[in-house]
């Protein structure tokens, strides 16, 4: 198996990654024809998610939104492969940080930060660019891949410019280990939670939704300021990133207040440009447990 993974990585992924962006987008256009027009990869999941999220939209509008999503999704796949060999200069040129002073002020105060975000636009490009563009030590909490080989390749790729990857299994140890430099811990908030009884329940995109609670939990437990990240698509292959203050005093907030603020920001971004969110994900596979009704 390791030999097959090695051949796949060096015989397929890396050769594609080394192509110039203009060639990648030719491949992306072809991939779009296969995934959307041909096999319809997860098309039922995408359209059901969209219909539930936008009940006011007609079938024609959903079909057009689906088409736009797959155009972006195919770009995202090829851009993510490019990240394996992208230079730091290219990454910085294609992911512009508009207002780093919002988060950098906490570094100057020697404050650690929770940096929350969702799967909007190109989060892989953000991951390789972030460490060199903020004053904090950038750390990402992540769930390891099933394949140890590709998990290692992924960590090497994301971490090549300074991002530290920490498994969610080791999160408590990480937070309790002193750091010589203030940290910005990146936390994705829009995945489906593994345990519906241990998440925060709210309404998101017109649906009852369980939200991972770790960002708020760790912020309160360790008194980390909370900042939200917004990725915008400027044009094909180029993105910008904005920091948005959520809370400098998390321990003074009510239960769920931080997660509500983050969720509402992400929801607003999705409503503004729905085609740039990850609709292939089975986001709403859990139902709210009866004991969680009090937090509705």
C-alpha atoms as a PDB file:
ATOM      1  CA  UNK A   1       0.000   0.000   0.000  1.00  0.00           C
ATOM      2  CA  UNK A   2       2.811   2.410   0.824  1.00  0.00           C
ATOM      3  CA  UNK A   3       4.347   1.764  -2.604  1.00  0.00           C
ATOM      4  CA  UNK A   4       1.031   2.563  -4.312  1.00  0.00           C
ATOM      5  CA  UNK A   5       0.666   5.751  -2.271  1.00  0.00           C
ATOM      6  CA  UNK A   6       4.241   6.692  -3.163  1.00  0.00           C
ATOM      7  CA  UNK A   7       3.549   6.151  -6.869  1.00  0.00           C
ATOM      8  CA  UNK A   8       0.310   8.142  -6.669  1.00  0.00           C
ATOM      9  CA  UNK A   9       2.023  11.022  -4.905  1.00  0.00           C
ATOM     10  CA  UNK A  10       5.165  11.275  -7.053  1.00  0.00           C
ATOM     11  CA  UNK A  11       3.676   9.971 -10.290  1.00  0.00           C
ATOM     12  CA  UNK A  12       0.410  11.929 -10.300  1.00  0.00           C
ATOM     13  CA  UNK A  13       0.004  14.576  -7.604  1.00  0.00           C
ATOM     14  CA  UNK A  14       3.436  16.197  -7.811  1.00  0.00           C
ATOM     15  CA  UNK A  15       3.560  16.348 -11.656  1.00  0.00           C
ATOM     16  CA  UNK A  16       0.174  18.099 -11.659  1.00  0.00           C
ATOM     17  CA  UNK A  17       1.246  20.366  -8.802  1.00  0.00           C
ATOM     18  CA  UNK A  18       4.285  21.518 -10.778  1.00  0.00           C
ATOM     19  CA  UNK A  19       2.150  22.750 -13.684  1.00  0.00           C
ATOM     20  CA  UNK A  20       1.667  26.521 -14.056  1.00  0.00           C
ATOM     21  CA  UNK A  21      -1.687  27.888 -12.911  1.00  0.00           C
ATOM     22  CA  UNK A  22      -2.933  28.474 -16.464  1.00  0.00           C
ATOM     23  CA  UNK A  23      -2.467  24.754 -17.206  1.00  0.00           C
ATOM     24  CA  UNK A  24      -4.195  23.800 -13.952  1.00  0.00           C
ATOM     25  CA  UNK A  25      -7.278  25.749 -14.979  1.00  0.00           C
ATOM     26  CA  UNK A  26      -7.419  23.927 -18.310  1.00  0.00           C
ATOM     27  CA  UNK A  27      -7.467  20.699 -16.303  1.00  0.00           C
ATOM     28  CA  UNK A  28     -10.081  22.190 -13.971  1.00  0.00           C
ATOM     29  CA  UNK A  29     -12.393  22.938 -16.909  1.00  0.00           C
ATOM     30  CA  UNK A  30     -12.063  19.334 -18.023  1.00  0.00           C
ATOM     31  CA  UNK A  31     -12.637  18.020 -14.504  1.00  0.00           C
ATOM     32  CA  UNK A  32     -15.812  20.123 -14.312  1.00  0.00           C
ATOM     33  CA  UNK A  33     -17.202  18.356 -17.360  1.00  0.00           C
ATOM     34  CA  UNK A  34     -16.503  14.999 -15.696  1.00  0.00           C
ATOM     35  CA  UNK A  35     -17.739  15.756 -12.164  1.00  0.00           C
ATOM     36  CA  UNK A  36     -20.757  17.896 -13.016  1.00  0.00           C
ATOM     37  CA  UNK A  37     -21.787  16.996 -16.556  1.00  0.00           C
ATOM     38  CA  UNK A  38     -20.580  13.401 -16.450  1.00  0.00           C
ATOM     39  CA  UNK A  39     -20.679  11.354 -13.249  1.00  0.00           C
ATOM     40  CA  UNK A  40     -22.476  13.984 -11.137  1.00  0.00           C
ATOM     41  CA  UNK A  41     -20.155  13.547  -8.161  1.00  0.00           C
ATOM     42  CA  UNK A  42     -22.249  14.018  -4.992  1.00  0.00           C
ATOM     43  CA  UNK A  43     -24.679  16.137  -6.992  1.00  0.00           C
ATOM     44  CA  UNK A  44     -27.679  14.851  -5.040  1.00  0.00           C
ATOM     45  CA  UNK A  45     -25.994  15.802  -1.746  1.00  0.00           C
ATOM     46  CA  UNK A  46     -25.101  19.253  -3.072  1.00  0.00           C
ATOM     47  CA  UNK A  47     -28.573  20.018  -4.395  1.00  0.00           C
ATOM     48  CA  UNK A  48     -30.391  18.664  -1.329  1.00  0.00           C
ATOM     49  CA  UNK A  49     -28.181  20.815   0.897  1.00  0.00           C
ATOM     50  CA  UNK A  50     -28.922  23.837  -1.276  1.00  0.00           C
ATOM     51  CA  UNK A  51     -32.676  23.242  -1.410  1.00  0.00           C
ATOM     52  CA  UNK A  52     -32.855  22.938   2.370  1.00  0.00           C
ATOM     53  CA  UNK A  53     -30.697  26.046   2.807  1.00  0.00           C
ATOM     54  CA  UNK A  54     -32.528  28.162   0.220  1.00  0.00           C
ATOM     55  CA  UNK A  55     -36.165  27.004   0.159  1.00  0.00           C
ATOM     56  CA  UNK A  56     -37.135  30.208  -1.642  1.00  0.00           C
ATOM     57  CA  UNK A  57     -35.036  29.365  -4.723  1.00  0.00           C
ATOM     58  CA  UNK A  58     -36.564  27.721  -7.802  1.00  0.00           C
ATOM     59  CA  UNK A  59     -35.250  24.498  -9.339  1.00  0.00           C
ATOM     60  CA  UNK A  60     -33.652  26.558 -12.103  1.00  0.00           C
ATOM     61  CA  UNK A  61     -31.861  28.745  -9.569  1.00  0.00           C
ATOM     62  CA  UNK A  62     -30.616  25.686  -7.658  1.00  0.00           C
ATOM     63  CA  UNK A  63     -29.343  24.141 -10.896  1.00  0.00           C
ATOM     64  CA  UNK A  64     -27.447  27.318 -11.810  1.00  0.00           C
ATOM     65  CA  UNK A  65     -26.014  27.617  -8.307  1.00  0.00           C
ATOM     66  CA  UNK A  66     -24.932  23.971  -8.514  1.00  0.00           C
ATOM     67  CA  UNK A  67     -23.160  24.663 -11.805  1.00  0.00           C
ATOM     68  CA  UNK A  68     -21.304  27.636 -10.310  1.00  0.00           C
ATOM     69  CA  UNK A  69     -20.340  25.579  -7.271  1.00  0.00           C
ATOM     70  CA  UNK A  70     -18.803  22.785  -9.364  1.00  0.00           C
ATOM     71  CA  UNK A  71     -16.818  25.307 -11.417  1.00  0.00           C
ATOM     72  CA  UNK A  72     -15.299  26.633  -8.191  1.00  0.00           C
ATOM     73  CA  UNK A  73     -14.992  23.164  -6.624  1.00  0.00           C
ATOM     74  CA  UNK A  74     -12.892  21.900  -9.531  1.00  0.00           C
ATOM     75  CA  UNK A  75     -10.664  24.985  -9.287  1.00  0.00           C
ATOM     76  CA  UNK A  76     -10.295  24.261  -5.568  1.00  0.00           C
ATOM     77  CA  UNK A  77      -9.216  20.664  -6.210  1.00  0.00           C
ATOM     78  CA  UNK A  78      -6.481  21.712  -8.643  1.00  0.00           C
ATOM     79  CA  UNK A  79      -5.394  24.687  -6.501  1.00  0.00           C
ATOM     80  CA  UNK A  80      -5.116  22.353  -3.515  1.00  0.00           C
ATOM     81  CA  UNK A  81      -2.788  20.097  -5.495  1.00  0.00           C
ATOM     82  CA  UNK A  82      -0.733  23.155  -6.417  1.00  0.00           C
ATOM     83  CA  UNK A  83      -0.204  23.857  -2.707  1.00  0.00           C
ATOM     84  CA  UNK A  84       2.148  20.845  -2.491  1.00  0.00           C
ATOM     85  CA  UNK A  85       4.800  22.699  -4.534  1.00  0.00           C
ATOM     86  CA  UNK A  86       3.746  26.362  -4.344  1.00  0.00           C
ATOM     87  CA  UNK A  87       6.416  28.893  -3.371  1.00  0.00           C
ATOM     88  CA  UNK A  88       5.954  31.256  -0.459  1.00  0.00           C
ATOM     89  CA  UNK A  89       5.968  34.209  -2.861  1.00  0.00           C
ATOM     90  CA  UNK A  90       3.195  32.655  -4.960  1.00  0.00           C
ATOM     91  CA  UNK A  91       1.147  31.863  -1.858  1.00  0.00           C
ATOM     92  CA  UNK A  92       1.472  35.416  -0.554  1.00  0.00           C
ATOM     93  CA  UNK A  93       0.544  36.873  -3.954  1.00  0.00           C
ATOM     94  CA  UNK A  94      -2.566  34.725  -4.234  1.00  0.00           C
ATOM     95  CA  UNK A  95      -3.797  35.072  -0.621  1.00  0.00           C
ATOM     96  CA  UNK A  96      -3.783  38.759   0.314  1.00  0.00           C
ATOM     97  CA  UNK A  97      -4.218  39.527   4.019  1.00  0.00           C
ATOM     98  CA  UNK A  98      -6.167  42.795   4.107  1.00  0.00           C
ATOM     99  CA  UNK A  99      -6.157  43.734   7.802  1.00  0.00           C
ATOM    100  CA  UNK A 100      -3.582  41.716   9.798  1.00  0.00           C
ATOM    101  CA  UNK A 101      -3.508  44.491  12.415  1.00  0.00           C
ATOM    102  CA  UNK A 102      -6.783  43.075  13.832  1.00  0.00           C
ATOM    103  CA  UNK A 103      -5.009  39.919  15.005  1.00  0.00           C
ATOM    104  CA  UNK A 104      -1.490  41.337  15.342  1.00  0.00           C
ATOM    105  CA  UNK A 105      -2.585  43.662  18.142  1.00  0.00           C
ATOM    106  CA  UNK A 106      -3.119  40.594  20.327  1.00  0.00           C
ATOM    107  CA  UNK A 107       0.405  39.368  19.582  1.00  0.00           C
ATOM    108  CA  UNK A 108       1.782  42.733  20.692  1.00  0.00           C
ATOM    109  CA  UNK A 109      -0.151  42.220  23.952  1.00  0.00           C
ATOM    110  CA  UNK A 110       1.269  38.672  24.206  1.00  0.00           C
ATOM    111  CA  UNK A 111      -2.295  37.288  23.926  1.00  0.00           C
ATOM    112  CA  UNK A 112      -3.074  33.922  22.409  1.00  0.00           C
ATOM    113  CA  UNK A 113      -5.911  33.794  19.879  1.00  0.00           C
ATOM    114  CA  UNK A 114      -8.453  31.304  18.577  1.00  0.00           C
ATOM    115  CA  UNK A 115      -8.791  31.910  14.825  1.00  0.00           C
ATOM    116  CA  UNK A 116     -12.105  30.462  13.622  1.00  0.00           C
ATOM    117  CA  UNK A 117     -13.254  29.907  10.075  1.00  0.00           C
ATOM    118  CA  UNK A 118     -15.229  27.732   7.695  1.00  0.00           C
ATOM    119  CA  UNK A 119     -14.713  25.847   4.445  1.00  0.00           C
ATOM    120  CA  UNK A 120     -15.284  28.870   2.257  1.00  0.00           C
ATOM    121  CA  UNK A 121     -13.172  29.538  -0.843  1.00  0.00           C
ATOM    122  CA  UNK A 122      -9.582  28.218  -0.630  1.00  0.00           C
ATOM    123  CA  UNK A 123      -8.667  27.300   2.956  1.00  0.00           C
ATOM    124  CA  UNK A 124      -5.686  25.208   1.771  1.00  0.00           C
ATOM    125  CA  UNK A 125      -3.985  28.262   0.277  1.00  0.00           C
ATOM    126  CA  UNK A 126      -4.711  30.181   3.471  1.00  0.00           C
ATOM    127  CA  UNK A 127      -3.099  27.373   5.497  1.00  0.00           C
ATOM    128  CA  UNK A 128       0.243  27.641   3.707  1.00  0.00           C
ATOM    129  CA  UNK A 129       0.261  31.453   3.676  1.00  0.00           C
ATOM    130  CA  UNK A 130      -0.891  32.343   7.197  1.00  0.00           C
ATOM    131  CA  UNK A 131       2.271  31.608   9.212  1.00  0.00           C
ATOM    132  CA  UNK A 132       4.356  34.139   7.325  1.00  0.00           C
ATOM    133  CA  UNK A 133       1.779  36.921   7.404  1.00  0.00           C
ATOM    134  CA  UNK A 134       0.862  37.266  11.098  1.00  0.00           C
ATOM    135  CA  UNK A 135       2.924  37.875  14.231  1.00  0.00           C
ATOM    136  CA  UNK A 136       1.518  34.883  16.119  1.00  0.00           C
ATOM    137  CA  UNK A 137       2.814  31.347  15.820  1.00  0.00           C
ATOM    138  CA  UNK A 138       0.167  29.769  13.568  1.00  0.00           C
ATOM    139  CA  UNK A 139      -1.184  26.404  14.737  1.00  0.00           C
ATOM    140  CA  UNK A 140      -3.970  24.363  13.123  1.00  0.00           C
ATOM    141  CA  UNK A 141      -6.034  21.763  14.936  1.00  0.00           C
ATOM    142  CA  UNK A 142      -6.951  18.984  12.514  1.00  0.00           C
ATOM    143  CA  UNK A 143      -8.304  15.445  12.336  1.00  0.00           C
ATOM    144  CA  UNK A 144      -5.587  13.115  10.979  1.00  0.00           C
ATOM    145  CA  UNK A 145      -6.219  11.405   7.642  1.00  0.00           C
ATOM    146  CA  UNK A 146      -6.829   7.663   7.597  1.00  0.00           C
ATOM    147  CA  UNK A 147      -3.741   7.136   5.439  1.00  0.00           C
ATOM    148  CA  UNK A 148      -0.614   7.791   7.492  1.00  0.00           C
ATOM    149  CA  UNK A 149       1.337   8.344   4.264  1.00  0.00           C
ATOM    150  CA  UNK A 150      -0.909  11.132   2.974  1.00  0.00           C
ATOM    151  CA  UNK A 151      -1.384  12.539   6.454  1.00  0.00           C
ATOM    152  CA  UNK A 152       2.389  13.046   6.592  1.00  0.00           C
ATOM    153  CA  UNK A 153       2.458  14.585   3.093  1.00  0.00           C
ATOM    154  CA  UNK A 154      -0.408  16.912   4.013  1.00  0.00           C
ATOM    155  CA  UNK A 155       1.276  18.055   7.232  1.00  0.00           C
ATOM    156  CA  UNK A 156       4.525  18.668   5.363  1.00  0.00           C
ATOM    157  CA  UNK A 157       2.725  20.678   2.703  1.00  0.00           C
ATOM    158  CA  UNK A 158       0.684  22.855   5.057  1.00  0.00           C
ATOM    159  CA  UNK A 159       3.587  23.314   7.453  1.00  0.00           C
ATOM    160  CA  UNK A 160       6.364  24.131   5.003  1.00  0.00           C
ATOM    161  CA  UNK A 161       6.168  27.887   5.687  1.00  0.00           C
ATOM    162  CA  UNK A 162       5.717  27.630   9.448  1.00  0.00           C
ATOM    163  CA  UNK A 163       2.202  26.383  10.239  1.00  0.00           C
ATOM    164  CA  UNK A 164       2.223  23.812  13.066  1.00  0.00           C
ATOM    165  CA  UNK A 165      -0.303  20.979  12.720  1.00  0.00           C
ATOM    166  CA  UNK A 166      -1.748  19.500  15.930  1.00  0.00           C
ATOM    167  CA  UNK A 167      -4.092  16.522  15.993  1.00  0.00           C
ATOM    168  CA  UNK A 168      -7.382  17.141  17.781  1.00  0.00           C
ATOM    169  CA  UNK A 169      -6.501  14.082  19.874  1.00  0.00           C
ATOM    170  CA  UNK A 170      -3.613  16.087  21.362  1.00  0.00           C
ATOM    171  CA  UNK A 171      -5.478  19.379  21.744  1.00  0.00           C
ATOM    172  CA  UNK A 172      -5.522  19.461  25.557  1.00  0.00           C
ATOM    173  CA  UNK A 173      -1.800  18.709  25.770  1.00  0.00           C
ATOM    174  CA  UNK A 174      -1.097  21.430  23.194  1.00  0.00           C
ATOM    175  CA  UNK A 175      -3.104  24.103  25.035  1.00  0.00           C
ATOM    176  CA  UNK A 176      -1.479  23.265  28.370  1.00  0.00           C
ATOM    177  CA  UNK A 177       2.094  23.357  27.004  1.00  0.00           C
ATOM    178  CA  UNK A 178       3.663  26.827  27.446  1.00  0.00           C
ATOM    179  CA  UNK A 179       4.784  28.570  24.244  1.00  0.00           C
ATOM    180  CA  UNK A 180       7.553  31.150  23.944  1.00  0.00           C
ATOM    181  CA  UNK A 181       5.511  32.959  21.284  1.00  0.00           C
ATOM    182  CA  UNK A 182       1.798  33.867  21.370  1.00  0.00           C
ATOM    183  CA  UNK A 183      -0.207  31.418  19.292  1.00  0.00           C
ATOM    184  CA  UNK A 184      -3.091  31.738  16.851  1.00  0.00           C
ATOM    185  CA  UNK A 185      -4.932  28.411  16.868  1.00  0.00           C
ATOM    186  CA  UNK A 186      -6.913  27.817  13.682  1.00  0.00           C
ATOM    187  CA  UNK A 187     -10.202  26.041  14.272  1.00  0.00           C
ATOM    188  CA  UNK A 188     -12.691  24.974  11.584  1.00  0.00           C
ATOM    189  CA  UNK A 189     -16.265  25.355  12.810  1.00  0.00           C
ATOM    190  CA  UNK A 190     -18.477  24.075   9.976  1.00  0.00           C
ATOM    191  CA  UNK A 191     -17.779  20.335   9.939  1.00  0.00           C
ATOM    192  CA  UNK A 192     -20.469  17.914  11.072  1.00  0.00           C
ATOM    193  CA  UNK A 193     -19.767  17.185  14.770  1.00  0.00           C
ATOM    194  CA  UNK A 194     -18.885  13.558  15.583  1.00  0.00           C
ATOM    195  CA  UNK A 195     -21.000  13.590  18.747  1.00  0.00           C
ATOM    196  CA  UNK A 196     -24.321  15.496  18.491  1.00  0.00           C
ATOM    197  CA  UNK A 197     -24.635  15.501  22.290  1.00  0.00           C
ATOM    198  CA  UNK A 198     -21.395  17.451  22.776  1.00  0.00           C
ATOM    199  CA  UNK A 199     -21.887  20.335  20.376  1.00  0.00           C
ATOM    200  CA  UNK A 200     -23.761  23.627  20.311  1.00  0.00           C
ATOM    201  CA  UNK A 201     -27.122  23.539  18.534  1.00  0.00           C
ATOM    202  CA  UNK A 202     -28.474  26.488  16.600  1.00  0.00           C
ATOM    203  CA  UNK A 203     -30.187  27.373  13.318  1.00  0.00           C
ATOM    204  CA  UNK A 204     -27.843  27.669  10.346  1.00  0.00           C
ATOM    205  CA  UNK A 205     -28.971  28.135   6.736  1.00  0.00           C
ATOM    206  CA  UNK A 206     -32.596  27.496   7.699  1.00  0.00           C
ATOM    207  CA  UNK A 207     -31.759  24.168   9.355  1.00  0.00           C
ATOM    208  CA  UNK A 208     -31.330  22.815  12.857  1.00  0.00           C
ATOM    209  CA  UNK A 209     -27.554  22.481  13.069  1.00  0.00           C
ATOM    210  CA  UNK A 210     -24.999  21.109  15.496  1.00  0.00           C
ATOM    211  CA  UNK A 211     -21.858  23.251  15.667  1.00  0.00           C
ATOM    212  CA  UNK A 212     -18.477  22.129  16.968  1.00  0.00           C
ATOM    213  CA  UNK A 213     -18.039  23.828  20.349  1.00  0.00           C
ATOM    214  CA  UNK A 214     -14.259  23.498  20.740  1.00  0.00           C
ATOM    215  CA  UNK A 215     -13.427  27.031  19.662  1.00  0.00           C
ATOM    216  CA  UNK A 216     -15.567  28.587  22.406  1.00  0.00           C
ATOM    217  CA  UNK A 217     -14.663  25.900  24.940  1.00  0.00           C
ATOM    218  CA  UNK A 218     -10.892  26.377  24.561  1.00  0.00           C
ATOM    219  CA  UNK A 219     -11.187  30.167  24.343  1.00  0.00           C
ATOM    220  CA  UNK A 220     -12.966  30.289  27.696  1.00  0.00           C
ATOM    221  CA  UNK A 221     -10.867  27.632  29.384  1.00  0.00           C
ATOM    222  CA  UNK A 222      -7.532  29.237  28.444  1.00  0.00           C
ATOM    223  CA  UNK A 223      -8.708  32.862  28.012  1.00  0.00           C
ATOM    224  CA  UNK A 224      -7.731  33.142  24.337  1.00  0.00           C
ATOM    225  CA  UNK A 225      -9.149  36.058  22.368  1.00  0.00           C
ATOM    226  CA  UNK A 226     -11.392  34.992  19.469  1.00  0.00           C
ATOM    227  CA  UNK A 227     -11.012  36.243  15.907  1.00  0.00           C
ATOM    228  CA  UNK A 228     -12.935  35.034  12.862  1.00  0.00           C
ATOM    229  CA  UNK A 229     -11.413  34.681   9.403  1.00  0.00           C
ATOM    230  CA  UNK A 230     -13.202  35.447   6.132  1.00  0.00           C
ATOM    231  CA  UNK A 231     -11.798  34.286   2.780  1.00  0.00           C
ATOM    232  CA  UNK A 232     -13.046  36.150  -0.286  1.00  0.00           C
ATOM    233  CA  UNK A 233     -12.482  35.158  -3.915  1.00  0.00           C
ATOM    234  CA  UNK A 234     -11.202  38.179  -5.832  1.00  0.00           C
ATOM    235  CA  UNK A 235     -10.850  36.386  -9.172  1.00  0.00           C
ATOM    236  CA  UNK A 236      -9.849  32.954 -10.413  1.00  0.00           C
ATOM    237  CA  UNK A 237      -6.825  31.830  -8.410  1.00  0.00           C
ATOM    238  CA  UNK A 238      -6.667  34.940  -6.218  1.00  0.00           C
ATOM    239  CA  UNK A 239      -8.147  35.378  -2.746  1.00  0.00           C
ATOM    240  CA  UNK A 240      -8.154  37.840   0.119  1.00  0.00           C
ATOM    241  CA  UNK A 241      -8.429  37.245   3.843  1.00  0.00           C
ATOM    242  CA  UNK A 242     -10.086  39.451   6.455  1.00  0.00           C
ATOM    243  CA  UNK A 243      -9.844  39.205  10.245  1.00  0.00           C
ATOM    244  CA  UNK A 244     -12.960  40.016  12.290  1.00  0.00           C
ATOM    245  CA  UNK A 245     -12.837  40.529  16.067  1.00  0.00           C
ATOM    246  CA  UNK A 246     -15.288  38.326  17.954  1.00  0.00           C
ATOM    247  CA  UNK A 247     -14.282  38.599  21.628  1.00  0.00           C
ATOM    248  CA  UNK A 248     -11.311  39.898  23.593  1.00  0.00           C
ATOM    249  CA  UNK A 249     -12.918  38.702  26.832  1.00  0.00           C
ATOM    250  CA  UNK A 250     -14.344  35.226  26.105  1.00  0.00           C
ATOM    251  CA  UNK A 251     -14.719  34.302  29.771  1.00  0.00           C
ATOM    252  CA  UNK A 252     -17.268  37.088  30.159  1.00  0.00           C
ATOM    253  CA  UNK A 253     -19.530  35.823  27.360  1.00  0.00           C
ATOM    254  CA  UNK A 254     -22.696  33.760  27.758  1.00  0.00           C
ATOM    255  CA  UNK A 255     -22.869  30.097  26.746  1.00  0.00           C
ATOM    256  CA  UNK A 256     -22.961  29.879  22.943  1.00  0.00           C
ATOM    257  CA  UNK A 257     -22.449  33.602  22.391  1.00  0.00           C
ATOM    258  CA  UNK A 258     -19.114  33.120  20.619  1.00  0.00           C
ATOM    259  CA  UNK A 259     -20.333  30.254  18.435  1.00  0.00           C
ATOM    260  CA  UNK A 260     -23.447  32.210  17.508  1.00  0.00           C
ATOM    261  CA  UNK A 261     -21.356  35.180  16.399  1.00  0.00           C
ATOM    262  CA  UNK A 262     -19.039  33.004  14.296  1.00  0.00           C
ATOM    263  CA  UNK A 263     -21.923  31.021  12.791  1.00  0.00           C
ATOM    264  CA  UNK A 264     -23.853  34.153  11.840  1.00  0.00           C
ATOM    265  CA  UNK A 265     -20.779  35.603  10.085  1.00  0.00           C
ATOM    266  CA  UNK A 266     -20.219  32.406   8.105  1.00  0.00           C
ATOM    267  CA  UNK A 267     -23.910  32.213   7.241  1.00  0.00           C
ATOM    268  CA  UNK A 268     -23.821  35.784   5.953  1.00  0.00           C
ATOM    269  CA  UNK A 269     -20.810  34.994   3.774  1.00  0.00           C
ATOM    270  CA  UNK A 270     -22.510  31.921   2.340  1.00  0.00           C
ATOM    271  CA  UNK A 271     -25.723  33.823   1.619  1.00  0.00           C
ATOM    272  CA  UNK A 272     -23.691  36.453  -0.226  1.00  0.00           C
ATOM    273  CA  UNK A 273     -21.778  33.965  -2.432  1.00  0.00           C
ATOM    274  CA  UNK A 274     -23.168  30.430  -1.964  1.00  0.00           C
ATOM    275  CA  UNK A 275     -21.097  28.846  -4.720  1.00  0.00           C
ATOM    276  CA  UNK A 276     -17.906  29.205  -2.685  1.00  0.00           C
ATOM    277  CA  UNK A 277     -18.895  27.024   0.290  1.00  0.00           C
ATOM    278  CA  UNK A 278     -18.242  23.254   0.474  1.00  0.00           C
ATOM    279  CA  UNK A 279     -21.684  21.863  -0.376  1.00  0.00           C
ATOM    280  CA  UNK A 280     -20.461  18.287  -0.993  1.00  0.00           C
ATOM    281  CA  UNK A 281     -20.126  17.795   2.763  1.00  0.00           C
ATOM    282  CA  UNK A 282     -22.962  15.928   4.540  1.00  0.00           C
ATOM    283  CA  UNK A 283     -23.288  18.742   7.035  1.00  0.00           C
ATOM    284  CA  UNK A 284     -26.724  17.898   8.447  1.00  0.00           C
ATOM    285  CA  UNK A 285     -26.514  14.157   9.111  1.00  0.00           C
ATOM    286  CA  UNK A 286     -27.273  14.484  12.857  1.00  0.00           C
ATOM    287  CA  UNK A 287     -30.486  15.427  14.634  1.00  0.00           C
ATOM    288  CA  UNK A 288     -30.655  17.553  17.763  1.00  0.00           C
ATOM    289  CA  UNK A 289     -30.745  15.363  20.914  1.00  0.00           C
ATOM    290  CA  UNK A 290     -33.711  15.990  23.196  1.00  0.00           C
ATOM    291  CA  UNK A 291     -31.432  17.100  26.056  1.00  0.00           C
ATOM    292  CA  UNK A 292     -30.020  19.914  23.866  1.00  0.00           C
ATOM    293  CA  UNK A 293     -33.373  21.639  23.431  1.00  0.00           C
ATOM    294  CA  UNK A 294     -32.618  24.031  26.306  1.00  0.00           C
ATOM    295  CA  UNK A 295     -29.851  25.637  24.239  1.00  0.00           C
ATOM    296  CA  UNK A 296     -32.021  26.306  21.180  1.00  0.00           C
END
